[in-house]
């Protein structure tokens, strides 16, 4: 009788232990799944709302600037003060600044301002702040075009390839992370459905 009682207690304890372990493992799995889903959502949001639009605008702006520079051969940096623009060159530059460069810079700045919480890392990268400062100076340039000096350039220069490289690299690393996260989610889903089929 005593042996039967001990066996029953061992069985009951083992059942409780198995139930606790199953609960703990299930909880751990759910926690991992929730964290993975939250990370997928965050990365997707970063791509959709910040880095995707930034990449399109910066790549487009780069192509337009390169073509403008090639065709009209402005000095690097949109005309330093030492090289005044001709009257025709100034009229052309003014038209391009008003129609293309200033509006694009403003759109980029607005996206960064509205979606700055999606920036990779814990703080705003200096090159992003540099670009935003450059974009802000277009307002002053356009408001005071005739008094802006012979170069008709912004007070703060465009950060150049540093900004484009930052956007390209950030977009690329997020796309790679997104692909890995989605692959892991698919594999976890497949493993989970395999288990449930047993």
Protein backbone atom coordinates (compact mmCIF):
# COMPACT_ATOMS: atom_id res chain seq x y z
CA UNK A 1 0.00 0.00 0.00
CA UNK A 2 2.81 2.36 0.92
CA UNK A 3 4.60 1.61 -2.35
CA UNK A 4 1.42 2.38 -4.28
CA UNK A 5 1.11 5.70 -2.46
CA UNK A 6 4.73 6.61 -3.19
CA UNK A 7 4.26 5.63 -6.83
CA UNK A 8 1.11 7.76 -7.01
CA UNK A 9 2.93 10.74 -5.45
CA UNK A 10 5.86 10.36 -7.84
CA UNK A 11 3.46 10.15 -10.76
CA UNK A 12 1.56 13.21 -9.54
CA UNK A 13 4.80 15.17 -8.99
CA UNK A 14 6.08 14.13 -12.42
CA UNK A 15 2.78 15.21 -14.00
CA UNK A 16 2.96 18.58 -12.25
CA UNK A 17 6.61 19.00 -13.27
CA UNK A 18 5.81 18.10 -16.88
CA UNK A 19 2.86 20.55 -16.89
CA UNK A 20 5.04 23.34 -15.45
CA UNK A 21 7.82 22.61 -17.98
CA UNK A 22 5.31 22.54 -20.87
CA UNK A 23 3.84 25.86 -19.69
CA UNK A 24 7.30 27.42 -19.32
CA UNK A 25 8.44 26.22 -22.76
CA UNK A 26 5.21 27.40 -24.35
CA UNK A 27 5.56 30.77 -22.61
CA UNK A 28 9.17 31.09 -23.80
CA UNK A 29 8.10 30.26 -27.36
CA UNK A 30 5.27 32.80 -27.24
CA UNK A 31 7.63 35.46 -25.85
CA UNK A 32 10.15 34.81 -28.65
CA UNK A 33 7.35 34.91 -31.25
CA UNK A 34 5.98 38.19 -29.86
CA UNK A 35 9.44 39.77 -29.81
CA UNK A 36 10.13 38.58 -33.36
CA UNK A 37 6.77 39.95 -34.58
CA UNK A 38 7.42 43.29 -32.85
CA UNK A 39 10.87 43.49 -34.48
CA UNK A 40 9.43 42.62 -37.90
CA UNK A 41 6.82 45.35 -37.44
CA UNK A 42 9.46 47.91 -36.37
CA UNK A 43 11.81 47.13 -39.27
CA UNK A 44 8.94 47.17 -41.77
CA UNK A 45 7.81 50.53 -40.42
CA UNK A 46 11.37 51.92 -40.65
CA UNK A 47 11.54 50.83 -44.30
CA UNK A 48 8.05 51.96 -45.28
CA UNK A 49 7.86 55.29 -43.48
CA UNK A 50 11.46 56.52 -43.30
CA UNK A 51 14.27 54.80 -45.15
CA UNK A 52 12.28 53.76 -48.25
CA UNK A 53 11.04 57.29 -49.03
CA UNK A 54 14.45 58.74 -48.11
CA UNK A 55 16.19 56.34 -50.48
CA UNK A 56 13.90 57.20 -53.39
CA UNK A 57 14.26 60.95 -52.81
CA UNK A 58 18.02 60.96 -52.21
CA UNK A 59 18.74 58.68 -55.18
CA UNK A 60 16.52 60.79 -57.42
CA UNK A 61 18.08 64.00 -56.15
CA UNK A 62 21.56 62.58 -56.73
CA UNK A 63 20.75 61.62 -60.32
CA UNK A 64 19.20 65.02 -61.03
CA UNK A 65 22.13 66.87 -59.42
CA UNK A 66 24.69 64.83 -61.38
CA UNK A 67 22.90 65.51 -64.65
CA UNK A 68 22.55 69.21 -63.84
CA UNK A 69 26.24 69.38 -62.96
CA UNK A 70 27.24 67.46 -66.09
CA UNK A 71 25.13 69.56 -68.38
CA UNK A 72 25.71 73.00 -66.91
CA UNK A 73 29.10 72.36 -65.27
CA UNK A 74 28.61 74.13 -61.99
CA UNK A 75 31.52 73.99 -59.56
CA UNK A 76 31.16 71.30 -56.89
CA UNK A 77 28.90 72.51 -54.09
CA UNK A 78 26.62 74.60 -56.33
CA UNK A 79 28.95 77.47 -57.01
CA UNK A 80 31.42 78.76 -54.43
CA UNK A 81 31.56 82.51 -53.83
CA UNK A 82 34.77 82.78 -55.85
CA UNK A 83 32.89 81.83 -59.02
CA UNK A 84 29.93 84.13 -59.68
CA UNK A 85 27.26 82.79 -61.98
CA UNK A 86 26.51 84.44 -65.31
CA UNK A 87 23.12 86.09 -65.63
CA UNK A 88 21.83 83.16 -67.68
CA UNK A 89 23.44 80.65 -65.29
CA UNK A 90 21.87 82.39 -62.31
CA UNK A 91 18.41 82.34 -63.92
CA UNK A 92 18.78 78.63 -64.70
CA UNK A 93 20.11 77.83 -61.20
CA UNK A 94 17.26 79.80 -59.61
CA UNK A 95 14.70 77.84 -61.62
CA UNK A 96 16.26 74.49 -60.62
CA UNK A 97 16.56 75.48 -56.96
CA UNK A 98 12.90 76.59 -56.85
CA UNK A 99 11.50 73.69 -58.87
CA UNK A 100 13.72 70.74 -57.93
CA UNK A 101 16.45 71.03 -55.30
CA UNK A 102 14.70 73.04 -52.57
CA UNK A 103 11.39 71.09 -52.74
CA UNK A 104 13.21 67.75 -52.64
CA UNK A 105 15.37 68.84 -49.71
CA UNK A 106 12.24 70.07 -47.93
CA UNK A 107 10.44 66.73 -48.48
CA UNK A 108 13.44 64.83 -47.12
CA UNK A 109 13.60 67.12 -44.10
CA UNK A 110 9.86 66.73 -43.46
CA UNK A 111 10.11 62.92 -43.58
CA UNK A 112 13.02 62.97 -41.13
CA UNK A 113 11.23 65.41 -38.83
CA UNK A 114 7.96 63.44 -38.88
CA UNK A 115 9.56 59.99 -38.62
CA UNK A 116 12.72 60.66 -36.63
CA UNK A 117 11.62 58.07 -34.06
CA UNK A 118 12.32 55.40 -36.70
CA UNK A 119 16.00 56.33 -37.09
CA UNK A 120 18.34 53.37 -36.56
CA UNK A 121 20.20 53.60 -33.27
CA UNK A 122 19.80 55.60 -30.11
CA UNK A 123 20.50 59.08 -31.46
CA UNK A 124 20.19 61.12 -34.60
CA UNK A 125 23.23 60.62 -36.86
CA UNK A 126 25.23 63.85 -37.41
CA UNK A 127 25.00 63.49 -41.20
CA UNK A 128 21.19 63.53 -40.97
CA UNK A 129 21.25 66.70 -38.87
CA UNK A 130 23.74 68.19 -41.33
CA UNK A 131 21.35 67.50 -44.21
CA UNK A 132 18.38 68.97 -42.32
CA UNK A 133 20.37 72.14 -41.59
CA UNK A 134 21.28 72.38 -45.28
CA UNK A 135 17.62 71.94 -46.28
CA UNK A 136 16.55 74.66 -43.84
CA UNK A 137 18.92 77.18 -45.44
CA UNK A 138 17.10 76.89 -48.78
CA UNK A 139 14.30 78.97 -47.24
CA UNK A 140 16.67 81.84 -46.52
CA UNK A 141 18.35 81.53 -49.93
CA UNK A 142 15.04 81.74 -51.78
CA UNK A 143 13.67 84.51 -49.56
CA UNK A 144 16.73 86.67 -50.17
CA UNK A 145 17.90 85.49 -53.60
CA UNK A 146 19.15 88.85 -54.86
CA UNK A 147 21.20 89.50 -51.72
CA UNK A 148 22.63 85.99 -51.37
CA UNK A 149 25.98 86.72 -52.98
CA UNK A 150 27.44 85.80 -56.32
CA UNK A 151 27.25 82.01 -55.84
CA UNK A 152 23.55 81.86 -54.93
CA UNK A 153 24.29 78.86 -52.73
CA UNK A 154 22.89 77.72 -49.41
CA UNK A 155 24.59 78.90 -46.25
CA UNK A 156 25.13 75.30 -45.10
CA UNK A 157 26.42 72.95 -47.77
CA UNK A 158 24.84 69.62 -48.66
CA UNK A 159 26.77 66.87 -46.83
CA UNK A 160 27.43 65.20 -50.18
CA UNK A 161 27.92 61.46 -50.57
CA UNK A 162 27.98 60.94 -46.79
CA UNK A 163 24.22 61.45 -46.62
CA UNK A 164 23.44 59.29 -49.65
CA UNK A 165 25.75 56.54 -48.32
CA UNK A 166 24.07 56.68 -44.90
CA UNK A 167 20.61 56.28 -46.46
CA UNK A 168 21.72 53.49 -48.83
CA UNK A 169 23.51 51.53 -46.10
CA UNK A 170 20.67 51.94 -43.61
CA UNK A 171 18.08 50.83 -46.14
CA UNK A 172 20.23 47.86 -47.18
CA UNK A 173 20.86 46.69 -43.62
CA UNK A 174 17.16 46.96 -42.74
CA UNK A 175 16.14 45.01 -45.86
CA UNK A 176 18.64 42.28 -44.97
CA UNK A 177 17.38 42.17 -41.37
CA UNK A 178 13.78 42.06 -42.57
CA UNK A 179 14.55 39.11 -44.86
CA UNK A 180 16.22 37.20 -42.00
CA UNK A 181 13.36 37.93 -39.60
CA UNK A 182 10.73 36.83 -42.12
CA UNK A 183 12.68 33.66 -42.88
CA UNK A 184 12.96 32.88 -39.15
CA UNK A 185 9.21 33.52 -38.72
CA UNK A 186 8.39 31.18 -41.62
CA UNK A 187 10.66 28.47 -40.24
CA UNK A 188 9.18 28.86 -36.74
CA UNK A 189 5.68 28.68 -38.24
CA UNK A 190 6.59 25.57 -40.19
CA UNK A 191 8.09 23.94 -37.09
CA UNK A 192 5.01 24.88 -35.07
CA UNK A 193 2.63 23.41 -37.66
CA UNK A 194 4.77 20.25 -37.86
CA UNK A 195 4.44 19.86 -34.09
CA UNK A 196 0.69 20.44 -34.13
CA UNK A 197 0.26 17.87 -36.90
CA UNK A 198 1.80 15.16 -34.66
